[in-house]
Amino acid sequence: MINITIPTPNVTITKQDNPELSNLYGFTDFHLIPRDKGGIFMFYNDKKELLFVGKARKLRQRIKKHFEDTVSPIKMYRDEVAKIDVCIIEGPIHREIYETFIINELKAKYNVDKVFFK
C-alpha cells in the first residue's frame, strides 16, 4: 500500500470584501503565487468545502485563467471561491498523483475527471 499525505500549502490567498486594489473576483494577492513554479491548487468556498483541484506547470497563469476564460470547469461557480491553497510540486508525475488523490480523498465538488467516488 502506498501512503500519500496531502501536502501543506506554500501559499494561501483569500477573497477580500470590497478590495481597494485591482482584483479578480475579490482576489488581489495573485502576486504571492509563484509565476515559474509548478504544483497543485485547491479552491475552497467560505464553508471550507473543497470545490476544485487542479495542477499546472506555471501556477499563477493557470489559476488566473480559471477566473478569466470561458471554458474553465468552474466558470459558473467562480463567485463561490473564497480561498485558494497552492502547493509547489515540481515533478509532473507527483502533481498528477497528488491531484487525483486530493480529488478523491476530499471529494472535490466540481472536479468531474479523475473521480473514483460516487
PDB file of N, CA and C in Angstrom:
ATOM      1  N   MET A   1       0.838  -1.184   0.000  1.00  0.00           N
ATOM      2  CA  MET A   1       0.000   0.000   0.000  1.00  0.00           C
ATOM      3  C   MET A   1       0.876   1.239   0.000  1.00  0.00           C
ATOM      4  N   ILE A   2       0.506   2.194  -0.774  1.00  0.00           N
ATOM      5  CA  ILE A   2       1.228   3.460  -0.836  1.00  0.00           C
ATOM      6  C   ILE A   2       0.559   4.438   0.120  1.00  0.00           C
ATOM      7  N   ASN A   3       1.368   5.121   0.906  1.00  0.00           N
ATOM      8  CA  ASN A   3       0.838   6.092   1.852  1.00  0.00           C
ATOM      9  C   ASN A   3       1.064   7.497   1.294  1.00  0.00           C
ATOM     10  N   ILE A   4      -0.007   8.197   0.983  1.00  0.00           N
ATOM     11  CA  ILE A   4       0.064   9.549   0.439  1.00  0.00           C
ATOM     12  C   ILE A   4      -0.557  10.501   1.451  1.00  0.00           C
ATOM     13  N   THR A   5       0.117  11.610   1.701  1.00  0.00           N
ATOM     14  CA  THR A   5      -0.452  12.642   2.566  1.00  0.00           C
ATOM     15  C   THR A   5      -0.614  13.918   1.750  1.00  0.00           C
ATOM     16  N   ILE A   6      -1.633  14.655   2.050  1.00  0.00           N
ATOM     17  CA  ILE A   6      -1.906  15.902   1.342  1.00  0.00           C
ATOM     18  C   ILE A   6      -0.840  16.918   1.751  1.00  0.00           C
ATOM     19  N   PRO A   7      -0.166  17.527   0.768  1.00  0.00           N
ATOM     20  CA  PRO A   7       0.901  18.467   1.116  1.00  0.00           C
ATOM     21  C   PRO A   7       0.369  19.728   1.805  1.00  0.00           C
ATOM     22  N   THR A   8       1.216  20.339   2.603  1.00  0.00           N
ATOM     23  CA  THR A   8       0.890  21.607   3.255  1.00  0.00           C
ATOM     24  C   THR A   8       1.020  22.725   2.229  1.00  0.00           C
ATOM     25  N   PRO A   9       0.041  23.618   2.150  1.00  0.00           N
ATOM     26  CA  PRO A   9       0.116  24.702   1.166  1.00  0.00           C
ATOM     27  C   PRO A   9       1.313  25.627   1.402  1.00  0.00           C
ATOM     28  N   ASN A  10       1.964  26.031   0.312  1.00  0.00           N
ATOM     29  CA  ASN A  10       3.048  27.004   0.374  1.00  0.00           C
ATOM     30  C   ASN A  10       2.503  28.426   0.380  1.00  0.00           C
ATOM     31  N   VAL A  11       1.367  28.619  -0.283  1.00  0.00           N
ATOM     32  CA  VAL A  11       0.742  29.937  -0.386  1.00  0.00           C
ATOM     33  C   VAL A  11      -0.767  29.764  -0.227  1.00  0.00           C
ATOM     34  N   THR A  12      -1.390  30.656   0.525  1.00  0.00           N
ATOM     35  CA  THR A  12      -2.851  30.693   0.649  1.00  0.00           C
ATOM     36  C   THR A  12      -3.283  32.134   0.414  1.00  0.00           C
ATOM     37  N   ILE A  13      -4.230  32.315  -0.504  1.00  0.00           N
ATOM     38  CA  ILE A  13      -4.789  33.654  -0.690  1.00  0.00           C
ATOM     39  C   ILE A  13      -6.297  33.570  -0.478  1.00  0.00           C
ATOM     40  N   THR A  14      -6.847  34.623   0.068  1.00  0.00           N
ATOM     41  CA  THR A  14      -8.274  34.634   0.363  1.00  0.00           C
ATOM     42  C   THR A  14      -8.946  35.826  -0.306  1.00  0.00           C
ATOM     43  N   LYS A  15     -10.218  35.647  -0.558  1.00  0.00           N
ATOM     44  CA  LYS A  15     -11.032  36.690  -1.173  1.00  0.00           C
ATOM     45  C   LYS A  15     -11.225  37.820  -0.166  1.00  0.00           C
ATOM     46  N   GLN A  16     -11.185  39.041  -0.667  1.00  0.00           N
ATOM     47  CA  GLN A  16     -11.404  40.204   0.187  1.00  0.00           C
ATOM     48  C   GLN A  16     -12.749  40.832  -0.140  1.00  0.00           C
ATOM     49  N   ASP A  17     -13.424  41.310   0.887  1.00  0.00           N
ATOM     50  CA  ASP A  17     -14.661  42.053   0.681  1.00  0.00           C
ATOM     51  C   ASP A  17     -14.302  43.483   0.312  1.00  0.00           C
ATOM     52  N   ASN A  18     -14.882  43.988  -0.748  1.00  0.00           N
ATOM     53  CA  ASN A  18     -14.644  45.365  -1.212  1.00  0.00           C
ATOM     54  C   ASN A  18     -13.159  45.705  -1.334  1.00  0.00           C
ATOM     55  N   PRO A  19     -12.400  44.953  -2.148  1.00  0.00           N
ATOM     56  CA  PRO A  19     -10.965  45.242  -2.271  1.00  0.00           C
ATOM     57  C   PRO A  19     -10.733  46.605  -2.922  1.00  0.00           C
ATOM     58  N   GLU A  20      -9.720  47.311  -2.419  1.00  0.00           N
ATOM     59  CA  GLU A  20      -9.378  48.625  -2.957  1.00  0.00           C
ATOM     60  C   GLU A  20      -8.509  48.502  -4.198  1.00  0.00           C
ATOM     61  N   LEU A  21      -7.708  47.452  -4.264  1.00  0.00           N
ATOM     62  CA  LEU A  21      -6.800  47.253  -5.389  1.00  0.00           C
ATOM     63  C   LEU A  21      -7.505  46.521  -6.520  1.00  0.00           C
ATOM     64  N   SER A  22      -6.841  46.492  -7.663  1.00  0.00           N
ATOM     65  CA  SER A  22      -7.347  45.730  -8.801  1.00  0.00           C
ATOM     66  C   SER A  22      -7.508  44.273  -8.376  1.00  0.00           C
ATOM     67  N   ASN A  23      -8.592  43.647  -8.799  1.00  0.00           N
ATOM     68  CA  ASN A  23      -8.838  42.284  -8.339  1.00  0.00           C
ATOM     69  C   ASN A  23      -9.559  41.459  -9.391  1.00  0.00           C
ATOM     70  N   LEU A  24      -9.498  40.169  -9.201  1.00  0.00           N
ATOM     71  CA  LEU A  24     -10.249  39.193  -9.982  1.00  0.00           C
ATOM     72  C   LEU A  24     -11.138  38.459  -8.991  1.00  0.00           C
ATOM     73  N   TYR A  25     -12.427  38.668  -9.074  1.00  0.00           N
ATOM     74  CA  TYR A  25     -13.389  38.012  -8.185  1.00  0.00           C
ATOM     75  C   TYR A  25     -13.022  38.188  -6.713  1.00  0.00           C
ATOM     76  N   GLY A  26     -12.453  39.348  -6.357  1.00  0.00           N
ATOM     77  CA  GLY A  26     -12.129  39.650  -4.971  1.00  0.00           C
ATOM     78  C   GLY A  26     -10.734  39.246  -4.534  1.00  0.00           C
ATOM     79  N   PHE A  27      -9.980  38.582  -5.396  1.00  0.00           N
ATOM     80  CA  PHE A  27      -8.612  38.169  -5.065  1.00  0.00           C
ATOM     81  C   PHE A  27      -7.627  39.223  -5.561  1.00  0.00           C
ATOM     82  N   THR A  28      -6.784  39.701  -4.653  1.00  0.00           N
ATOM     83  CA  THR A  28      -5.813  40.734  -5.011  1.00  0.00           C
ATOM     84  C   THR A  28      -4.368  40.249  -4.865  1.00  0.00           C
ATOM     85  N   ASP A  29      -4.153  39.105  -4.259  1.00  0.00           N
ATOM     86  CA  ASP A  29      -2.798  38.653  -3.926  1.00  0.00           C
ATOM     87  C   ASP A  29      -2.229  37.602  -4.866  1.00  0.00           C
ATOM     88  N   PHE A  30      -2.605  37.640  -6.133  1.00  0.00           N
ATOM     89  CA  PHE A  30      -2.061  36.667  -7.080  1.00  0.00           C
ATOM     90  C   PHE A  30      -0.540  36.769  -7.174  1.00  0.00           C
ATOM     91  N   HIS A  31       0.023  37.939  -6.857  1.00  0.00           N
ATOM     92  CA  HIS A  31       1.471  38.122  -6.924  1.00  0.00           C
ATOM     93  C   HIS A  31       2.216  37.209  -5.939  1.00  0.00           C
ATOM     94  N   LEU A  32       1.524  36.678  -4.934  1.00  0.00           N
ATOM     95  CA  LEU A  32       2.154  35.772  -3.965  1.00  0.00           C
ATOM     96  C   LEU A  32       2.353  34.365  -4.542  1.00  0.00           C
ATOM     97  N   ILE A  33       1.621  34.049  -5.588  1.00  0.00           N
ATOM     98  CA  ILE A  33       1.719  32.736  -6.225  1.00  0.00           C
ATOM     99  C   ILE A  33       2.898  32.772  -7.194  1.00  0.00           C
ATOM    100  N   PRO A  34       3.828  31.814  -7.087  1.00  0.00           N
ATOM    101  CA  PRO A  34       4.986  31.818  -7.982  1.00  0.00           C
ATOM    102  C   PRO A  34       4.577  31.767  -9.449  1.00  0.00           C
ATOM    103  N   ARG A  35       5.277  32.535 -10.249  1.00  0.00           N
ATOM    104  CA  ARG A  35       4.997  32.612 -11.683  1.00  0.00           C
ATOM    105  C   ARG A  35       5.616  31.435 -12.439  1.00  0.00           C
ATOM    106  N   ASP A  36       6.771  30.974 -11.980  1.00  0.00           N
ATOM    107  CA  ASP A  36       7.549  29.998 -12.744  1.00  0.00           C
ATOM    108  C   ASP A  36       7.641  28.625 -12.088  1.00  0.00           C
ATOM    109  N   LYS A  37       6.779  28.352 -11.132  1.00  0.00           N
ATOM    110  CA  LYS A  37       6.803  27.062 -10.436  1.00  0.00           C
ATOM    111  C   LYS A  37       5.571  26.240 -10.781  1.00  0.00           C
ATOM    112  N   GLY A  38       5.735  24.931 -10.711  1.00  0.00           N
ATOM    113  CA  GLY A  38       4.624  24.023 -10.937  1.00  0.00           C
ATOM    114  C   GLY A  38       4.064  23.523  -9.619  1.00  0.00           C
ATOM    115  N   GLY A  39       2.845  23.012  -9.668  1.00  0.00           N
ATOM    116  CA  GLY A  39       2.256  22.480  -8.450  1.00  0.00           C
ATOM    117  C   GLY A  39       0.782  22.207  -8.601  1.00  0.00           C
ATOM    118  N   ILE A  40       0.107  22.135  -7.473  1.00  0.00           N
ATOM    119  CA  ILE A  40      -1.336  21.916  -7.455  1.00  0.00           C
ATOM    120  C   ILE A  40      -1.997  23.073  -6.727  1.00  0.00           C
ATOM    121  N   PHE A  41      -3.262  23.287  -7.037  1.00  0.00           N
ATOM    122  CA  PHE A  41      -4.017  24.338  -6.370  1.00  0.00           C
ATOM    123  C   PHE A  41      -5.388  23.802  -6.009  1.00  0.00           C
ATOM    124  N   MET A  42      -5.938  24.362  -4.930  1.00  0.00           N
ATOM    125  CA  MET A  42      -7.236  23.923  -4.430  1.00  0.00           C
ATOM    126  C   MET A  42      -8.099  25.138  -4.156  1.00  0.00           C
ATOM    127  N   PHE A  43      -9.297  25.143  -4.698  1.00  0.00           N
ATOM    128  CA  PHE A  43     -10.253  26.223  -4.477  1.00  0.00           C
ATOM    129  C   PHE A  43     -11.253  25.776  -3.412  1.00  0.00           C
ATOM    130  N   TYR A  44     -11.464  26.627  -2.402  1.00  0.00           N
ATOM    131  CA  TYR A  44     -12.397  26.346  -1.316  1.00  0.00           C
ATOM    132  C   TYR A  44     -13.471  27.423  -1.260  1.00  0.00           C
ATOM    133  N   ASN A  45     -14.641  27.059  -0.739  1.00  0.00           N
ATOM    134  CA  ASN A  45     -15.678  28.076  -0.515  1.00  0.00           C
ATOM    135  C   ASN A  45     -15.563  28.606   0.912  1.00  0.00           C
ATOM    136  N   ASP A  46     -16.473  29.493   1.300  1.00  0.00           N
ATOM    137  CA  ASP A  46     -16.392  30.098   2.639  1.00  0.00           C
ATOM    138  C   ASP A  46     -16.751  29.126   3.760  1.00  0.00           C
ATOM    139  N   LYS A  47     -17.278  27.942   3.408  1.00  0.00           N
ATOM    140  CA  LYS A  47     -17.579  26.909   4.409  1.00  0.00           C
ATOM    141  C   LYS A  47     -16.437  25.906   4.520  1.00  0.00           C
ATOM    142  N   LYS A  48     -15.306  26.227   3.870  1.00  0.00           N
ATOM    143  CA  LYS A  48     -14.115  25.369   3.860  1.00  0.00           C
ATOM    144  C   LYS A  48     -14.325  24.053   3.113  1.00  0.00           C
ATOM    145  N   GLU A  49     -15.316  24.017   2.204  1.00  0.00           N
ATOM    146  CA  GLU A  49     -15.538  22.834   1.376  1.00  0.00           C
ATOM    147  C   GLU A  49     -14.656  22.946   0.132  1.00  0.00           C
ATOM    148  N   LEU A  50     -14.043  21.835  -0.241  1.00  0.00           N
ATOM    149  CA  LEU A  50     -13.199  21.818  -1.431  1.00  0.00           C
ATOM    150  C   LEU A  50     -14.067  21.846  -2.678  1.00  0.00           C
ATOM    151  N   LEU A  51     -13.838  22.843  -3.523  1.00  0.00           N
ATOM    152  CA  LEU A  51     -14.624  22.979  -4.749  1.00  0.00           C
ATOM    153  C   LEU A  51     -13.925  22.363  -5.946  1.00  0.00           C
ATOM    154  N   PHE A  52     -12.625  22.609  -6.083  1.00  0.00           N
ATOM    155  CA  PHE A  52     -11.920  22.190  -7.291  1.00  0.00           C
ATOM    156  C   PHE A  52     -10.437  22.034  -6.998  1.00  0.00           C
ATOM    157  N   VAL A  53      -9.822  21.031  -7.622  1.00  0.00           N
ATOM    158  CA  VAL A  53      -8.383  20.801  -7.526  1.00  0.00           C
ATOM    159  C   VAL A  53      -7.827  20.793  -8.938  1.00  0.00           C
ATOM    160  N   GLY A  54      -6.694  21.456  -9.126  1.00  0.00           N
ATOM    161  CA  GLY A  54      -6.049  21.464 -10.429  1.00  0.00           C
ATOM    162  C   GLY A  54      -4.543  21.408 -10.286  1.00  0.00           C
ATOM    163  N   LYS A  55      -3.873  21.198 -11.405  1.00  0.00           N
ATOM    164  CA  LYS A  55      -2.415  21.173 -11.415  1.00  0.00           C
ATOM    165  C   LYS A  55      -1.929  22.046 -12.561  1.00  0.00           C
ATOM    166  N   ALA A  56      -0.679  22.491 -12.467  1.00  0.00           N
ATOM    167  CA  ALA A  56      -0.146  23.364 -13.506  1.00  0.00           C
ATOM    168  C   ALA A  56       1.374  23.361 -13.502  1.00  0.00           C
ATOM    169  N   ARG A  57       1.944  23.571 -14.683  1.00  0.00           N
ATOM    170  CA  ARG A  57       3.395  23.759 -14.783  1.00  0.00           C
ATOM    171  C   ARG A  57       3.769  25.165 -14.345  1.00  0.00           C
ATOM    172  N   LYS A  58       2.872  26.120 -14.603  1.00  0.00           N
ATOM    173  CA  LYS A  58       3.071  27.517 -14.196  1.00  0.00           C
ATOM    174  C   LYS A  58       1.818  27.939 -13.441  1.00  0.00           C
ATOM    175  N   LEU A  59       1.927  27.939 -12.137  1.00  0.00           N
ATOM    176  CA  LEU A  59       0.759  28.076 -11.264  1.00  0.00           C
ATOM    177  C   LEU A  59      -0.021  29.373 -11.436  1.00  0.00           C
ATOM    178  N   ARG A  60       0.653  30.516 -11.371  1.00  0.00           N
ATOM    179  CA  ARG A  60      -0.079  31.788 -11.382  1.00  0.00           C
ATOM    180  C   ARG A  60      -0.912  31.941 -12.654  1.00  0.00           C
ATOM    181  N   GLN A  61      -0.318  31.644 -13.801  1.00  0.00           N
ATOM    182  CA  GLN A  61      -1.053  31.766 -15.068  1.00  0.00           C
ATOM    183  C   GLN A  61      -2.286  30.870 -15.087  1.00  0.00           C
ATOM    184  N   ARG A  62      -2.119  29.632 -14.629  1.00  0.00           N
ATOM    185  CA  ARG A  62      -3.215  28.669 -14.693  1.00  0.00           C
ATOM    186  C   ARG A  62      -4.355  29.049 -13.755  1.00  0.00           C
ATOM    187  N   ILE A  63      -4.019  29.475 -12.560  1.00  0.00           N
ATOM    188  CA  ILE A  63      -5.051  29.854 -11.594  1.00  0.00           C
ATOM    189  C   ILE A  63      -5.828  31.064 -12.101  1.00  0.00           C
ATOM    190  N   LYS A  64      -5.120  32.070 -12.595  1.00  0.00           N
ATOM    191  CA  LYS A  64      -5.795  33.256 -13.125  1.00  0.00           C
ATOM    192  C   LYS A  64      -6.701  32.900 -14.297  1.00  0.00           C
ATOM    193  N   LYS A  65      -6.257  31.936 -15.098  1.00  0.00           N
ATOM    194  CA  LYS A  65      -7.053  31.521 -16.263  1.00  0.00           C
ATOM    195  C   LYS A  65      -8.412  30.961 -15.839  1.00  0.00           C
ATOM    196  N   HIS A  66      -8.467  30.310 -14.688  1.00  0.00           N
ATOM    197  CA  HIS A  66      -9.746  29.783 -14.202  1.00  0.00           C
ATOM    198  C   HIS A  66     -10.748  30.907 -13.929  1.00  0.00           C
ATOM    199  N   PHE A  67     -10.261  32.087 -13.648  1.00  0.00           N
ATOM    200  CA  PHE A  67     -11.137  33.222 -13.364  1.00  0.00           C
ATOM    201  C   PHE A  67     -11.393  34.090 -14.595  1.00  0.00           C
ATOM    202  N   GLU A  68     -10.667  33.839 -15.681  1.00  0.00           N
ATOM    203  CA  GLU A  68     -10.777  34.697 -16.858  1.00  0.00           C
ATOM    204  C   GLU A  68     -11.375  34.022 -18.084  1.00  0.00           C
ATOM    205  N   ASP A  69     -11.085  32.741 -18.302  1.00  0.00           N
ATOM    206  CA  ASP A  69     -11.526  32.165 -19.571  1.00  0.00           C
ATOM    207  C   ASP A  69     -12.928  31.573 -19.509  1.00  0.00           C
ATOM    208  N   THR A  70     -13.459  31.272 -20.669  1.00  0.00           N
ATOM    209  CA  THR A  70     -14.855  30.833 -20.771  1.00  0.00           C
ATOM    210  C   THR A  70     -15.018  29.318 -20.752  1.00  0.00           C
ATOM    211  N   VAL A  71     -13.924  28.577 -20.731  1.00  0.00           N
ATOM    212  CA  VAL A  71     -14.027  27.120 -20.756  1.00  0.00           C
ATOM    213  C   VAL A  71     -13.618  26.454 -19.439  1.00  0.00           C
ATOM    214  N   SER A  72     -13.342  27.237 -18.422  1.00  0.00           N
ATOM    215  CA  SER A  72     -12.956  26.684 -17.134  1.00  0.00           C
ATOM    216  C   SER A  72     -14.101  25.859 -16.546  1.00  0.00           C
ATOM    217  N   PRO A  73     -13.779  24.719 -15.936  1.00  0.00           N
ATOM    218  CA  PRO A  73     -14.827  23.905 -15.308  1.00  0.00           C
ATOM    219  C   PRO A  73     -15.550  24.618 -14.164  1.00  0.00           C
ATOM    220  N   ILE A  74     -14.943  25.658 -13.628  1.00  0.00           N
ATOM    221  CA  ILE A  74     -15.592  26.371 -12.523  1.00  0.00           C
ATOM    222  C   ILE A  74     -16.200  27.704 -12.958  1.00  0.00           C
ATOM    223  N   LYS A  75     -16.322  27.931 -14.248  1.00  0.00           N
ATOM    224  CA  LYS A  75     -16.795  29.246 -14.720  1.00  0.00           C
ATOM    225  C   LYS A  75     -18.144  29.641 -14.132  1.00  0.00           C
ATOM    226  N   MET A  76     -19.013  28.697 -13.874  1.00  0.00           N
ATOM    227  CA  MET A  76     -20.331  29.003 -13.308  1.00  0.00           C
ATOM    228  C   MET A  76     -20.277  29.188 -11.783  1.00  0.00           C
ATOM    229  N   TYR A  77     -19.142  28.841 -11.177  1.00  0.00           N
ATOM    230  CA  TYR A  77     -19.043  28.821  -9.718  1.00  0.00           C
ATOM    231  C   TYR A  77     -17.934  29.727  -9.177  1.00  0.00           C
ATOM    232  N   ARG A  78     -17.414  30.617 -10.005  1.00  0.00           N
ATOM    233  CA  ARG A  78     -16.299  31.475  -9.596  1.00  0.00           C
ATOM    234  C   ARG A  78     -16.607  32.299  -8.357  1.00  0.00           C
ATOM    235  N   ASP A  79     -17.841  32.733  -8.232  1.00  0.00           N
ATOM    236  CA  ASP A  79     -18.217  33.554  -7.072  1.00  0.00           C
ATOM    237  C   ASP A  79     -18.157  32.777  -5.759  1.00  0.00           C
ATOM    238  N   GLU A  80     -18.216  31.448  -5.831  1.00  0.00           N
ATOM    239  CA  GLU A  80     -18.167  30.619  -4.624  1.00  0.00           C
ATOM    240  C   GLU A  80     -16.772  30.539  -4.022  1.00  0.00           C
ATOM    241  N   VAL A  81     -15.745  30.720  -4.839  1.00  0.00           N
ATOM    242  CA  VAL A  81     -14.365  30.542  -4.376  1.00  0.00           C
ATOM    243  C   VAL A  81     -14.009  31.647  -3.382  1.00  0.00           C
ATOM    244  N   ALA A  82     -13.607  31.233  -2.174  1.00  0.00           N
ATOM    245  CA  ALA A  82     -13.255  32.184  -1.126  1.00  0.00           C
ATOM    246  C   ALA A  82     -11.788  32.065  -0.716  1.00  0.00           C
ATOM    247  N   LYS A  83     -11.172  30.913  -1.012  1.00  0.00           N
ATOM    248  CA  LYS A  83      -9.783  30.689  -0.619  1.00  0.00           C
ATOM    249  C   LYS A  83      -9.099  29.816  -1.654  1.00  0.00           C
ATOM    250  N   ILE A  84      -7.833  30.107  -1.925  1.00  0.00           N
ATOM    251  CA  ILE A  84      -7.031  29.308  -2.846  1.00  0.00           C
ATOM    252  C   ILE A  84      -5.776  28.866  -2.107  1.00  0.00           C
ATOM    253  N   ASP A  85      -5.569  27.548  -2.029  1.00  0.00           N
ATOM    254  CA  ASP A  85      -4.332  26.988  -1.480  1.00  0.00           C
ATOM    255  C   ASP A  85      -3.463  26.542  -2.633  1.00  0.00           C
ATOM    256  N   VAL A  86      -2.164  26.825  -2.542  1.00  0.00           N
ATOM    257  CA  VAL A  86      -1.222  26.466  -3.596  1.00  0.00           C
ATOM    258  C   VAL A  86      -0.082  25.669  -2.980  1.00  0.00           C
ATOM    259  N   CYS A  87       0.223  24.524  -3.578  1.00  0.00           N
ATOM    260  CA  CYS A  87       1.329  23.682  -3.131  1.00  0.00           C
ATOM    261  C   CYS A  87       2.333  23.563  -4.270  1.00  0.00           C
ATOM    262  N   ILE A  88       3.588  23.909  -4.007  1.00  0.00           N
ATOM    263  CA  ILE A  88       4.644  23.806  -5.011  1.00  0.00           C
ATOM    264  C   ILE A  88       5.063  22.344  -5.106  1.00  0.00           C
ATOM    265  N   ILE A  89       4.890  21.764  -6.292  1.00  0.00           N
ATOM    266  CA  ILE A  89       5.286  20.375  -6.553  1.00  0.00           C
ATOM    267  C   ILE A  89       5.864  20.364  -7.957  1.00  0.00           C
ATOM    268  N   GLU A  90       7.167  20.212  -8.048  1.00  0.00           N
ATOM    269  CA  GLU A  90       7.834  20.366  -9.337  1.00  0.00           C
ATOM    270  C   GLU A  90       7.640  19.178 -10.290  1.00  0.00           C
ATOM    271  N   GLY A  91       7.633  17.974  -9.798  1.00  0.00           N
ATOM    272  CA  GLY A  91       7.559  16.815 -10.684  1.00  0.00           C
ATOM    273  C   GLY A  91       6.168  16.610 -11.264  1.00  0.00           C
ATOM    274  N   PRO A  92       6.048  16.478 -12.599  1.00  0.00           N
ATOM    275  CA  PRO A  92       4.733  16.313 -13.215  1.00  0.00           C
ATOM    276  C   PRO A  92       4.002  15.039 -12.771  1.00  0.00           C
ATOM    277  N   ILE A  93       4.728  13.985 -12.520  1.00  0.00           N
ATOM    278  CA  ILE A  93       4.094  12.743 -12.067  1.00  0.00           C
ATOM    279  C   ILE A  93       3.565  12.919 -10.646  1.00  0.00           C
ATOM    280  N   HIS A  94       4.339  13.591  -9.804  1.00  0.00           N
ATOM    281  CA  HIS A  94       3.885  13.859  -8.437  1.00  0.00           C
ATOM    282  C   HIS A  94       2.653  14.757  -8.440  1.00  0.00           C
ATOM    283  N   ARG A  95       2.616  15.757  -9.322  1.00  0.00           N
ATOM    284  CA  ARG A  95       1.436  16.633  -9.427  1.00  0.00           C
ATOM    285  C   ARG A  95       0.199  15.815  -9.788  1.00  0.00           C
ATOM    286  N   GLU A  96       0.349  14.925 -10.730  1.00  0.00           N
ATOM    287  CA  GLU A  96      -0.765  14.074 -11.172  1.00  0.00           C
ATOM    288  C   GLU A  96      -1.275  13.203 -10.027  1.00  0.00           C
ATOM    289  N   ILE A  97      -0.363  12.601  -9.290  1.00  0.00           N
ATOM    290  CA  ILE A  97      -0.739  11.728  -8.178  1.00  0.00           C
ATOM    291  C   ILE A  97      -1.455  12.514  -7.089  1.00  0.00           C
ATOM    292  N   TYR A  98      -0.875  13.652  -6.689  1.00  0.00           N
ATOM    293  CA  TYR A  98      -1.496  14.467  -5.648  1.00  0.00           C
ATOM    294  C   TYR A  98      -2.862  14.976  -6.069  1.00  0.00           C
ATOM    295  N   GLU A  99      -2.968  15.437  -7.310  1.00  0.00           N
ATOM    296  CA  GLU A  99      -4.259  15.957  -7.783  1.00  0.00           C
ATOM    297  C   GLU A  99      -5.339  14.879  -7.704  1.00  0.00           C
ATOM    298  N   THR A 100      -5.048  13.710  -8.241  1.00  0.00           N
ATOM    299  CA  THR A 100      -6.025  12.612  -8.232  1.00  0.00           C
ATOM    300  C   THR A 100      -6.354  12.185  -6.807  1.00  0.00           C
ATOM    301  N   PHE A 101      -5.348  12.088  -5.954  1.00  0.00           N
ATOM    302  CA  PHE A 101      -5.564  11.689  -4.571  1.00  0.00           C
ATOM    303  C   PHE A 101      -6.460  12.691  -3.843  1.00  0.00           C
ATOM    304  N   ILE A 102      -6.157  13.975  -3.962  1.00  0.00           N
ATOM    305  CA  ILE A 102      -6.925  15.004  -3.247  1.00  0.00           C
ATOM    306  C   ILE A 102      -8.356  15.071  -3.756  1.00  0.00           C
ATOM    307  N   ILE A 103      -8.543  14.980  -5.063  1.00  0.00           N
ATOM    308  CA  ILE A 103      -9.903  15.000  -5.635  1.00  0.00           C
ATOM    309  C   ILE A 103     -10.755  13.912  -4.994  1.00  0.00           C
ATOM    310  N   ASN A 104     -10.203  12.735  -4.863  1.00  0.00           N
ATOM    311  CA  ASN A 104     -10.969  11.604  -4.355  1.00  0.00           C
ATOM    312  C   ASN A 104     -11.013  11.524  -2.832  1.00  0.00           C
ATOM    313  N   GLU A 105      -9.950  11.916  -2.177  1.00  0.00           N
ATOM    314  CA  GLU A 105      -9.915  11.859  -0.713  1.00  0.00           C
ATOM    315  C   GLU A 105     -10.837  12.918  -0.097  1.00  0.00           C
ATOM    316  N   LEU A 106     -10.788  14.138  -0.647  1.00  0.00           N
ATOM    317  CA  LEU A 106     -11.590  15.236  -0.096  1.00  0.00           C
ATOM    318  C   LEU A 106     -12.875  15.480  -0.885  1.00  0.00           C
ATOM    319  N   LYS A 107     -13.113  14.674  -1.914  1.00  0.00           N
ATOM    320  CA  LYS A 107     -14.335  14.731  -2.722  1.00  0.00           C
ATOM    321  C   LYS A 107     -14.611  16.143  -3.252  1.00  0.00           C
ATOM    322  N   ALA A 108     -13.704  16.608  -4.094  1.00  0.00           N
ATOM    323  CA  ALA A 108     -13.832  17.936  -4.697  1.00  0.00           C
ATOM    324  C   ALA A 108     -15.142  18.038  -5.469  1.00  0.00           C
ATOM    325  N   LYS A 109     -15.887  19.078  -5.190  1.00  0.00           N
ATOM    326  CA  LYS A 109     -17.260  19.233  -5.681  1.00  0.00           C
ATOM    327  C   LYS A 109     -17.374  19.380  -7.202  1.00  0.00           C
ATOM    328  N   TYR A 110     -16.474  20.131  -7.833  1.00  0.00           N
ATOM    329  CA  TYR A 110     -16.621  20.421  -9.258  1.00  0.00           C
ATOM    330  C   TYR A 110     -15.606  19.734 -10.155  1.00  0.00           C
ATOM    331  N   ASN A 111     -14.811  18.827  -9.630  1.00  0.00           N
ATOM    332  CA  ASN A 111     -13.950  18.018 -10.487  1.00  0.00           C
ATOM    333  C   ASN A 111     -14.785  16.876 -11.043  1.00  0.00           C
ATOM    334  N   VAL A 112     -14.770  16.711 -12.340  1.00  0.00           N
ATOM    335  CA  VAL A 112     -15.539  15.626 -12.941  1.00  0.00           C
ATOM    336  C   VAL A 112     -14.627  14.533 -13.491  1.00  0.00           C
ATOM    337  N   ASP A 113     -13.408  14.886 -13.871  1.00  0.00           N
ATOM    338  CA  ASP A 113     -12.432  13.904 -14.310  1.00  0.00           C
ATOM    339  C   ASP A 113     -11.716  13.347 -13.089  1.00  0.00           C
ATOM    340  N   LYS A 114     -11.169  12.166 -13.219  1.00  0.00           N
ATOM    341  CA  LYS A 114     -10.360  11.536 -12.164  1.00  0.00           C
ATOM    342  C   LYS A 114     -11.147  11.227 -10.908  1.00  0.00           C
ATOM    343  N   VAL A 115     -12.463  11.138 -11.009  1.00  0.00           N
ATOM    344  CA  VAL A 115     -13.298  10.865  -9.840  1.00  0.00           C
ATOM    345  C   VAL A 115     -13.549   9.368  -9.735  1.00  0.00           C
ATOM    346  N   PHE A 116     -13.192   8.802  -8.579  1.00  0.00           N
ATOM    347  CA  PHE A 116     -13.417   7.377  -8.347  1.00  0.00           C
ATOM    348  C   PHE A 116     -14.522   7.158  -7.319  1.00  0.00           C
ATOM    349  N   PHE A 117     -15.034   8.217  -6.738  1.00  0.00           N
ATOM    350  CA  PHE A 117     -16.128   8.098  -5.772  1.00  0.00           C
ATOM    351  C   PHE A 117     -17.428   8.491  -6.447  1.00  0.00           C
ATOM    352  N   LYS A 118     -18.514   7.981  -5.989  1.00  0.00           N
ATOM    353  CA  LYS A 118     -19.844   8.376  -6.499  1.00  0.00           C
ATOM    354  C   LYS A 118     -20.823   8.374  -5.360  1.00  0.00           C
TER     355      LYS A 118
END
